[in-house]
Amino acid sequence: MKLFKIIFLILFFISSFLTIANAGSGPASVYKIQIFKIEFCNNTSTLSSCNGADTVYDDTAGNGSGWIDIASTTAGAAAASLGNISKLEFGKEYTHMQVTMSREFKLSGSAADGSGTTCYTDANGTDSEAATGSETAGDQTEVTLYAAFVSAGLSDGFSGMSSVTDSTPTGKTVIAGDTHFQKRMAFDNSFVLKAGKIPTIKVAFGTDTATGATGNMDDGGGDGCGSSGASKGMYAGPPDVSVSWQ
């Protein structure tokens, strides 16, 4: 069985959760994600709908991929190998991909908030709120942050899920309590699997801007990073990724 090194394609999805105003970004030394399902979608698909899907990875009944630390790998190296390419149809044109992921990320890093104060990760966020931070670099530690703020104004390719097996995901929306999400992406070029030709994946990525902070996090009591809420605080930002196949 040939395995398709597909993990890095997933990272494209992270880059378009939500356009966040008054936000800063900074480096992450730990950036862990969990993947539960990967589907390739046919040429009738759109950002809103994955049609004619063929599933190349599915562990929705289990623990998924487990934690994959993107920040621990060197640029272009494989952090994980997920997906059985033999489950795709030869000659079928795929134009989109849909991935199911946990909203929960594990992250250690720092970023400047909306007021310009550099905040370091030292507290967990929740599924409905971003996290507070610390102004002290020595306090930085690995914490739990969530992808996508609670919102009904996300991109067409995003659907919040109340559980990993939610059969009716809500398009463009995340509500408090959503634990997972689907994200759809259009490939730059359509993908067709040809007999006798296994594609080679070329990848470059980095986490220099993968920690996010938004809004003025000053709590008014002398802690410049001590305030958070549904639309301000520290969150999991997107990594820098480029992927191509031959």
Protein backbone atom coordinates (compact mmCIF):
# COMPACT_ATOMS: atom_id res chain seq x y z
CA MET A 1 0.00 0.00 0.00
CA LYS A 2 1.45 3.33 -1.02
CA LEU A 3 0.96 6.23 1.37
CA PHE A 4 0.33 9.71 0.08
CA LYS A 5 2.21 12.34 2.06
CA ILE A 6 -0.65 14.76 2.26
CA ILE A 7 -0.31 16.41 5.64
CA PHE A 8 1.06 19.64 4.25
CA LEU A 9 -1.87 20.17 1.92
CA ILE A 10 -3.97 20.35 5.09
CA LEU A 11 -2.04 23.36 6.33
CA PHE A 12 -3.40 25.48 3.50
CA PHE A 13 -6.79 25.20 5.14
CA ILE A 14 -5.59 26.79 8.35
CA SER A 15 -4.68 30.03 6.58
CA SER A 16 -8.25 31.15 5.88
CA PHE A 17 -10.29 30.63 9.06
CA LEU A 18 -11.23 34.25 9.48
CA THR A 19 -9.96 37.68 8.54
CA ILE A 20 -9.13 39.19 11.93
CA ALA A 21 -8.86 42.94 12.31
CA ASN A 22 -6.30 44.60 14.56
CA ALA A 23 -4.34 41.33 14.87
CA GLY A 24 -0.64 40.60 15.24
CA SER A 25 1.37 37.45 14.62
CA GLY A 26 4.58 35.93 15.90
CA PRO A 27 6.65 32.73 16.05
CA ALA A 28 5.51 29.36 17.39
CA SER A 29 8.03 26.85 18.74
CA VAL A 30 5.24 24.26 19.21
CA TYR A 31 2.32 23.95 16.76
CA LYS A 32 0.29 20.76 17.09
CA ILE A 33 -2.80 19.79 15.11
CA GLN A 34 -5.14 16.78 14.88
CA ILE A 35 -6.63 15.49 11.63
CA PHE A 36 -9.59 13.10 11.46
CA LYS A 37 -10.64 12.88 7.82
CA ILE A 38 -9.32 13.83 4.37
CA GLU A 39 -11.49 13.80 1.25
CA PHE A 40 -10.78 14.65 -2.38
CA CYS A 41 -13.71 16.27 -4.20
CA ASN A 42 -14.61 16.02 -7.89
CA ASN A 43 -14.74 18.76 -10.52
CA THR A 44 -18.35 19.72 -9.74
CA SER A 45 -17.33 20.85 -6.25
CA THR A 46 -17.20 24.38 -4.88
CA LEU A 47 -15.82 25.97 -1.73
CA SER A 48 -19.26 25.42 -0.21
CA SER A 49 -19.75 21.81 -1.28
CA CYS A 50 -17.48 18.76 -1.62
CA ASN A 51 -19.12 16.59 -4.29
CA GLY A 52 -18.25 13.07 -5.42
CA ALA A 53 -15.86 12.73 -2.51
CA ASP A 54 -13.31 9.94 -2.24
CA THR A 55 -11.93 9.51 1.28
CA VAL A 56 -8.19 8.92 1.53
CA TYR A 57 -8.03 9.06 5.33
CA ASP A 58 -10.70 8.48 7.98
CA ASP A 59 -10.25 7.91 11.70
CA THR A 60 -13.39 9.66 12.91
CA ALA A 61 -14.16 6.56 14.97
CA GLY A 62 -10.81 6.75 16.72
CA ASN A 63 -8.27 9.30 17.86
CA GLY A 64 -7.45 10.69 14.45
CA SER A 65 -3.86 11.41 13.50
CA GLY A 66 -2.86 12.13 17.08
CA TRP A 67 -0.92 15.31 17.76
CA ILE A 68 1.31 16.35 14.85
CA ASP A 69 3.84 19.05 15.75
CA ILE A 70 4.44 21.05 12.59
CA ALA A 71 6.99 23.28 14.31
CA SER A 72 9.23 20.32 15.14
CA THR A 73 10.07 19.51 11.52
CA THR A 74 12.51 21.16 9.15
CA ALA A 75 11.15 22.91 6.08
CA GLY A 76 9.91 20.43 3.52
CA ALA A 77 10.21 17.38 5.80
CA ALA A 78 7.23 15.11 6.35
CA ALA A 79 5.61 15.59 9.75
CA ALA A 80 3.29 12.67 9.07
CA SER A 81 2.11 10.42 6.26
CA LEU A 82 -1.64 10.25 6.04
CA GLY A 83 -3.89 9.00 3.31
CA ASN A 84 -4.04 6.00 1.03
CA ILE A 85 -3.80 7.23 -2.54
CA SER A 86 -5.13 3.92 -3.84
CA LYS A 87 -8.57 5.03 -2.65
CA LEU A 88 -8.64 7.69 -5.37
CA GLU A 89 -10.01 6.80 -8.80
CA PHE A 90 -7.63 6.68 -11.72
CA GLY A 91 -8.54 9.26 -14.36
CA LYS A 92 -10.95 11.15 -12.14
CA GLU A 93 -10.43 14.90 -11.91
CA TYR A 94 -10.26 16.31 -8.39
CA THR A 95 -10.46 20.08 -7.97
CA HIS A 96 -11.04 20.49 -4.22
CA MET A 97 -10.16 18.87 -0.94
CA GLN A 98 -12.07 18.74 2.34
CA VAL A 99 -10.47 18.04 5.70
CA THR A 100 -12.00 17.44 9.11
CA MET A 101 -9.88 18.69 11.99
CA SER A 102 -10.13 19.41 15.68
CA ARG A 103 -10.50 23.09 16.57
CA GLU A 104 -8.13 22.43 19.46
CA PHE A 105 -4.48 23.22 18.76
CA LYS A 106 -1.45 22.93 21.06
CA LEU A 107 0.83 25.94 20.70
CA SER A 108 3.74 27.73 22.34
CA GLY A 109 4.70 31.15 21.03
CA SER A 110 4.35 34.91 21.19
CA ALA A 111 2.70 37.71 19.25
CA ALA A 112 1.99 41.44 19.56
CA ASP A 113 -1.63 42.26 20.35
CA GLY A 114 -3.61 45.11 18.82
CA SER A 115 -1.93 47.67 21.07
CA GLY A 116 1.56 46.46 20.17
CA THR A 117 2.26 44.64 23.45
CA THR A 118 4.13 41.36 22.97
CA CYS A 119 2.21 38.59 24.71
CA TYR A 120 3.51 35.08 25.43
CA THR A 121 1.37 31.95 25.66
CA ASP A 122 0.75 30.93 29.26
CA ALA A 123 -2.99 30.14 29.52
CA ASN A 124 -5.49 27.97 27.69
CA GLY A 125 -8.28 29.28 25.50
CA THR A 126 -11.73 27.70 25.19
CA ASP A 127 -14.02 26.74 22.33
CA SER A 128 -15.74 30.13 22.70
CA GLU A 129 -12.93 32.49 23.77
CA ALA A 130 -9.32 33.28 22.93
CA ALA A 131 -6.67 33.09 25.67
CA THR A 132 -4.91 35.57 27.90
CA GLY A 133 -1.13 35.75 27.79
CA SER A 134 1.83 37.02 29.75
CA GLU A 135 4.14 39.96 29.18
CA THR A 136 7.02 37.87 30.59
CA ALA A 137 8.95 35.75 28.08
CA GLY A 138 9.93 33.29 30.78
CA ASP A 139 6.27 32.42 31.32
CA GLN A 140 5.85 31.07 27.79
CA THR A 141 4.61 27.49 27.78
CA GLU A 142 2.60 25.09 25.63
CA VAL A 143 -1.12 25.86 25.85
CA THR A 144 -4.40 24.92 24.19
CA LEU A 145 -5.69 27.47 21.69
CA TYR A 146 -8.64 27.17 19.33
CA ALA A 147 -8.85 27.81 15.61
CA ALA A 148 -11.53 30.23 14.39
CA PHE A 149 -13.39 32.67 16.60
CA VAL A 150 -17.08 32.12 17.25
CA SER A 151 -18.64 33.79 14.22
CA ALA A 152 -21.29 33.49 11.52
CA GLY A 153 -19.08 35.32 9.03
CA LEU A 154 -16.40 32.79 8.14
CA SER A 155 -15.36 31.87 4.61
CA ASP A 156 -17.48 29.76 2.25
CA GLY A 157 -15.04 26.88 2.65
CA PHE A 158 -15.49 26.61 6.41
CA SER A 159 -18.10 24.62 8.37
CA GLY A 160 -18.25 24.30 12.14
CA MET A 161 -19.05 20.90 13.66
CA SER A 162 -20.53 20.03 17.05
CA SER A 163 -18.61 16.74 17.00
CA VAL A 164 -16.22 14.87 14.72
CA THR A 165 -19.16 12.86 13.33
CA ASP A 166 -21.57 15.79 12.91
CA SER A 167 -23.49 14.99 9.71
CA THR A 168 -24.94 18.51 9.30
CA PRO A 169 -22.03 20.96 9.62
CA THR A 170 -23.02 24.64 9.63
CA GLY A 171 -21.50 26.54 6.72
CA LYS A 172 -19.49 29.71 7.38
CA THR A 173 -20.24 29.43 11.10
CA VAL A 174 -18.62 28.45 14.39
CA ILE A 175 -20.69 28.49 17.58
CA ALA A 176 -19.65 27.97 21.18
CA GLY A 177 -19.36 24.24 21.74
CA ASP A 178 -18.14 23.38 18.24
CA THR A 179 -15.26 20.96 18.69
CA HIS A 180 -14.28 20.28 15.07
CA PHE A 181 -14.52 21.84 11.63
CA GLN A 182 -14.50 21.04 7.95
CA LYS A 183 -12.44 23.16 5.60
CA ARG A 184 -12.58 23.02 1.82
CA MET A 185 -9.94 24.31 -0.55
CA ALA A 186 -9.73 24.64 -4.32
CA PHE A 187 -6.49 23.28 -5.76
CA ASP A 188 -4.46 25.68 -7.89
CA ASN A 189 -4.41 22.94 -10.52
CA SER A 190 -6.77 19.99 -10.78
CA PHE A 191 -5.41 16.61 -9.73
CA VAL A 192 -5.77 13.42 -11.78
CA LEU A 193 -4.22 10.16 -10.58
CA LYS A 194 -2.65 8.30 -13.47
CA ALA A 195 -1.77 4.60 -13.51
CA GLY A 196 1.92 3.98 -12.92
CA LYS A 197 2.61 7.56 -11.80
CA ILE A 198 2.62 8.32 -8.09
CA PRO A 199 2.88 12.09 -7.53
CA THR A 200 5.83 13.68 -5.77
CA ILE A 201 4.92 16.30 -3.18
CA LYS A 202 7.17 19.32 -2.73
CA VAL A 203 6.65 21.34 0.42
CA ALA A 204 8.02 24.41 2.18
CA PHE A 205 6.58 25.71 5.42
CA GLY A 206 7.33 27.69 8.56
CA THR A 207 5.76 28.78 11.85
CA ASP A 208 7.38 32.20 12.19
CA THR A 209 3.94 33.86 12.16
CA ALA A 210 1.76 31.04 13.52
CA THR A 211 0.92 32.59 16.90
CA GLY A 212 -1.89 35.14 16.77
CA ALA A 213 -3.04 37.91 19.12
CA THR A 214 -5.83 40.38 18.47
CA GLY A 215 -7.45 43.31 20.24
CA ASN A 216 -6.12 45.28 23.18
CA MET A 217 -5.42 42.61 25.80
CA ASP A 218 -4.65 45.07 28.62
CA ASP A 219 -6.85 44.20 31.60
CA GLY A 220 -6.74 47.76 32.95
CA GLY A 221 -5.06 46.60 36.12
CA GLY A 222 -1.45 46.61 35.04
CA ASP A 223 -1.39 43.35 33.05
CA GLY A 224 -0.92 44.22 29.39
CA CYS A 225 -1.82 40.69 28.25
CA GLY A 226 -4.35 39.79 30.92
CA SER A 227 -7.65 40.26 29.10
CA SER A 228 -9.33 38.01 26.52
CA GLY A 229 -12.77 37.25 25.16
CA ALA A 230 -14.74 36.03 22.17
CA SER A 231 -12.96 38.48 19.82
CA LYS A 232 -9.69 39.34 21.55
CA GLY A 233 -6.76 37.42 22.93
CA MET A 234 -4.29 34.79 21.75
CA TYR A 235 -5.28 32.20 19.15
CA ALA A 236 -3.85 29.65 16.73
CA GLY A 237 -2.80 31.51 13.60
CA PRO A 238 -1.87 30.06 10.20
CA PRO A 239 1.58 28.67 9.33
CA ASP A 240 3.37 29.67 6.13
CA VAL A 241 2.96 26.87 3.59
CA SER A 242 3.59 26.25 -0.07
CA VAL A 243 2.81 22.89 -1.70
CA SER A 244 3.15 21.56 -5.22
CA TRP A 245 3.01 18.14 -6.84
CA GLN A 246 4.54 16.65 -9.91
